[in-house]
Protein backbone atom coordinates (compact mmCIF):
# COMPACT_ATOMS: atom_id res chain seq x y z
CA MET A 1 102.12 88.70 60.87
CA LEU A 2 102.05 88.42 64.26
CA GLY A 3 104.55 90.48 66.36
CA HIS A 4 106.20 88.70 69.16
CA PHE A 5 103.90 89.86 71.78
CA ALA A 6 100.66 89.08 69.53
CA TRP A 7 101.97 85.74 68.54
CA ALA A 8 102.73 85.16 72.73
CA GLU A 9 99.62 86.18 73.70
CA CYS A 10 97.63 83.84 70.84
CA VAL A 11 99.70 80.75 71.94
CA MET A 12 98.68 81.35 75.39
CA LYS A 13 95.10 81.68 74.21
CA SER A 14 95.28 78.44 72.97
CA MET A 15 97.02 76.79 75.47
CA GLN A 16 94.29 77.96 78.02
CA HIS A 17 91.82 76.75 75.53
CA LEU A 18 92.59 73.56 74.66
CA LEU A 19 92.62 71.77 77.96
CA TRP A 20 88.10 72.16 77.55
CA ILE A 21 88.10 72.26 73.80
CA LEU A 22 89.91 68.91 73.05
CA PRO A 23 87.32 66.76 75.32
CA LEU A 24 84.49 68.67 73.96
CA SER A 25 85.76 68.10 70.98
CA ILE A 26 86.33 64.66 71.34
CA LEU A 27 82.86 64.36 72.53
CA ALA A 28 80.92 66.34 70.20
CA ALA A 29 82.70 63.78 67.34
CA MET A 30 81.33 60.88 68.54
CA ALA A 31 78.35 61.84 69.80
CA PHE A 32 77.97 63.07 65.86
CA ALA A 33 79.98 59.90 64.25
CA GLY A 34 77.39 57.65 66.46
CA SER A 35 74.31 59.34 65.43
CA SER A 36 72.46 57.43 62.88
CA GLY A 37 71.34 58.51 59.63
CA GLU A 38 68.16 60.12 60.35
CA GLU A 39 69.00 62.13 63.75
CA GLN A 40 72.24 63.45 61.26
CA LYS A 41 71.35 66.89 60.19
CA SER A 42 74.43 66.84 57.99
CA GLY A 43 72.87 64.44 55.17
CA ASP A 44 71.59 66.68 53.11
CA PHE A 45 75.00 67.34 52.57
CA ALA A 46 77.08 65.08 49.59
CA ARG A 47 78.77 62.46 51.67
CA GLU A 48 81.64 60.77 50.92
CA VAL A 49 82.36 61.86 47.14
CA SER A 50 83.46 64.47 45.86
CA PRO A 51 79.99 65.60 44.09
CA LYS A 52 80.73 66.52 40.00
CA ARG A 53 80.56 69.80 39.40
CA PRO A 54 80.95 71.62 35.65
CA ASP A 55 83.15 74.44 37.79
CA LYS A 56 85.34 71.99 39.18
CA VAL A 57 88.88 73.71 40.18
CA VAL A 58 91.52 70.82 39.34
CA MET A 59 94.85 71.72 39.14
CA SER A 60 98.38 70.06 40.24
CA GLU A 61 100.24 70.65 43.87
CA ALA A 62 102.33 72.98 42.14
CA GLU A 63 99.67 75.23 40.41
CA TRP A 64 98.23 74.85 43.95
CA LYS A 65 101.64 75.96 45.88
CA LYS A 66 102.07 79.12 43.58
CA LYS A 67 98.08 79.78 44.28
CA LEU A 68 97.90 79.80 48.30
CA THR A 69 100.22 81.56 51.05
CA ASP A 70 102.16 78.44 52.88
CA GLU A 71 99.55 78.40 55.38
CA GLN A 72 96.56 78.38 53.15
CA TYR A 73 98.11 75.99 51.36
CA ARG A 74 99.31 74.10 54.77
CA ILE A 75 95.53 74.15 55.40
CA LEU A 76 93.75 73.63 52.39
CA ARG A 77 95.47 71.53 50.91
CA GLY A 78 97.47 69.21 53.31
CA HIS A 79 94.14 69.62 55.77
CA GLY A 80 96.10 71.06 58.46
CA THR A 81 94.38 73.97 61.49
CA GLU A 82 95.42 76.83 61.95
CA ARG A 83 95.62 77.58 66.24
CA ALA A 84 92.64 78.60 67.27
CA PHE A 85 92.26 82.12 68.38
CA CYS A 86 94.51 83.28 65.89
CA GLY A 87 92.84 83.23 62.43
CA VAL A 88 91.48 86.56 61.60
CA PHE A 89 88.12 85.67 61.19
CA HIS A 90 87.10 83.77 64.48
CA ASP A 91 85.58 87.58 66.10
CA ASN A 92 84.69 89.13 62.58
CA LYS A 93 81.46 90.71 63.24
CA LYS A 94 80.68 92.31 59.90
CA ASP A 95 77.86 91.30 57.40
CA GLY A 96 78.69 89.24 54.24
CA LEU A 97 80.02 86.63 52.79
CA TYR A 98 82.36 83.88 53.20
CA SER A 99 84.45 81.85 50.45
CA CYS A 100 87.10 80.00 49.03
CA VAL A 101 90.35 80.97 49.42
CA GLY A 102 91.41 78.48 46.65
CA CYS A 103 88.38 78.64 44.34
CA ALA A 104 86.58 81.77 45.54
CA ASN A 105 83.19 79.22 46.07
CA PRO A 106 80.37 81.11 48.29
CA LEU A 107 80.61 79.07 51.39
CA PHE A 108 78.91 80.88 54.38
CA LYS A 109 77.19 84.23 55.22
CA SER A 110 77.17 86.31 58.16
CA ASP A 111 74.11 85.66 59.98
CA ALA A 112 75.20 82.38 59.32
CA LYS A 113 77.75 82.40 62.11
CA PHE A 114 78.11 82.35 66.02
CA ASP A 115 80.28 82.52 68.99
CA SER A 116 81.30 78.99 70.02
CA GLY A 117 84.39 79.96 72.60
CA THR A 118 86.24 77.35 70.06
CA GLY A 119 88.55 79.85 68.79
CA TRP A 120 87.66 79.47 65.09
CA PRO A 121 84.44 80.97 63.23
CA SER A 122 81.57 78.50 63.83
CA PHE A 123 78.67 78.82 61.35
CA PHE A 124 75.61 77.26 61.76
CA GLN A 125 74.69 76.33 58.21
CA PRO A 126 76.52 76.62 55.31
CA VAL A 127 75.34 79.25 52.47
CA SER A 128 73.61 76.44 50.59
CA LYS A 129 73.96 72.35 50.32
CA ASP A 130 76.14 72.54 47.45
CA ALA A 131 78.60 74.89 48.32
CA ILE A 132 80.71 71.87 50.27
CA TRP A 133 80.41 68.59 51.54
CA LEU A 134 81.52 65.77 53.77
CA LYS A 135 83.59 63.09 54.54
CA THR A 136 84.07 60.51 57.68
CA ASP A 137 87.83 61.93 59.16
CA ARG A 138 89.35 59.22 61.57
CA SER A 139 92.80 61.26 61.98
CA TYR A 140 94.33 61.46 65.64
CA GLY A 141 92.10 59.39 66.88
CA MET A 142 89.08 60.69 66.73
CA ILE A 143 86.19 59.87 64.20
CA ARG A 144 84.76 63.72 63.01
CA GLN A 145 82.92 64.59 59.97
CA GLU A 146 85.50 66.51 57.61
CA VAL A 147 84.39 69.95 55.39
CA LEU A 148 85.42 70.44 51.85
CA CYS A 149 84.92 72.72 49.34
CA ALA A 150 82.31 71.11 47.00
CA LYS A 151 83.88 73.13 43.95
CA CYS A 152 87.92 72.78 44.80
CA ASP A 153 87.61 69.82 47.60
CA GLY A 154 89.57 72.32 49.33
CA HIS A 155 89.68 71.13 53.38
CA LEU A 156 87.77 73.36 55.74
CA GLY A 157 87.84 72.19 58.97
CA HIS A 158 85.40 70.10 60.94
CA VAL A 159 80.95 69.75 61.57
CA PHE A 160 79.77 69.14 65.09
CA ASP A 161 76.45 68.27 66.38
CA ASP A 162 76.49 71.01 69.22
CA GLY A 163 75.67 74.08 67.36
CA PRO A 164 73.04 76.41 68.02
CA ARG A 165 69.51 73.94 68.82
CA ASP A 166 67.36 76.62 67.79
CA LYS A 167 68.54 77.13 64.63
CA THR A 168 70.08 74.03 62.68
CA GLY A 169 71.97 72.19 65.87
CA LEU A 170 75.30 71.91 63.85
CA ARG A 171 78.93 73.98 64.38
CA PHE A 172 81.24 74.08 60.98
CA CYS A 173 84.06 74.73 62.12
CA ILE A 174 86.15 76.25 59.84
CA ASN A 175 89.93 77.48 59.04
CA SER A 176 90.16 81.48 58.90
CA GLU A 177 92.98 81.22 56.81
CA ILE A 178 90.44 79.30 53.81
CA LEU A 179 88.56 82.50 53.43
CA THR A 180 87.88 85.08 51.79
CA PHE A 181 84.95 87.40 53.62
CA ALA A 182 83.87 90.66 51.11
CA ASP A 183 81.20 93.12 53.04
CA LYS A 184 77.22 93.76 52.51
CA LYS A 185 76.14 96.04 50.03
CA ASP A 186 74.29 98.04 50.96
């Protein structure tokens, strides 16, 4: 739990960056949404329909509430977002693997993580194209691509096309709260 000072600092950082992040996110979302299918590098991922898997995790909302913390449930099952610069993994520089807190599905490797300056963990690619799926999100007057876990259909974050150009060009902007992290074993 954050102390009063740490919480206030977190809120201040979020507010300071909101003024420039929000317009950039809107522009990125508009650019992504306006791209043709050939230009969208995210076309390799399942879109709009949850992929069928033999290991699919399906639970009742009561079971999810029992399994997850209130904040994890709000984000993973309720499509919420954590405050910028407040997540435990936004500045994590350790080598390892990020997985879904809801189902332990491996999602992102640390070598695909980069500092986007947005305050959320950002990755230029998932562990595999089968780890996630994308769905159009029209909430808050924007058109964005929502990133969901392919194993439990949990909300992870959004993907934008303003990532590193020398990699995939994508920025998977993911909530720390719904991730677990395992250090790489040497």
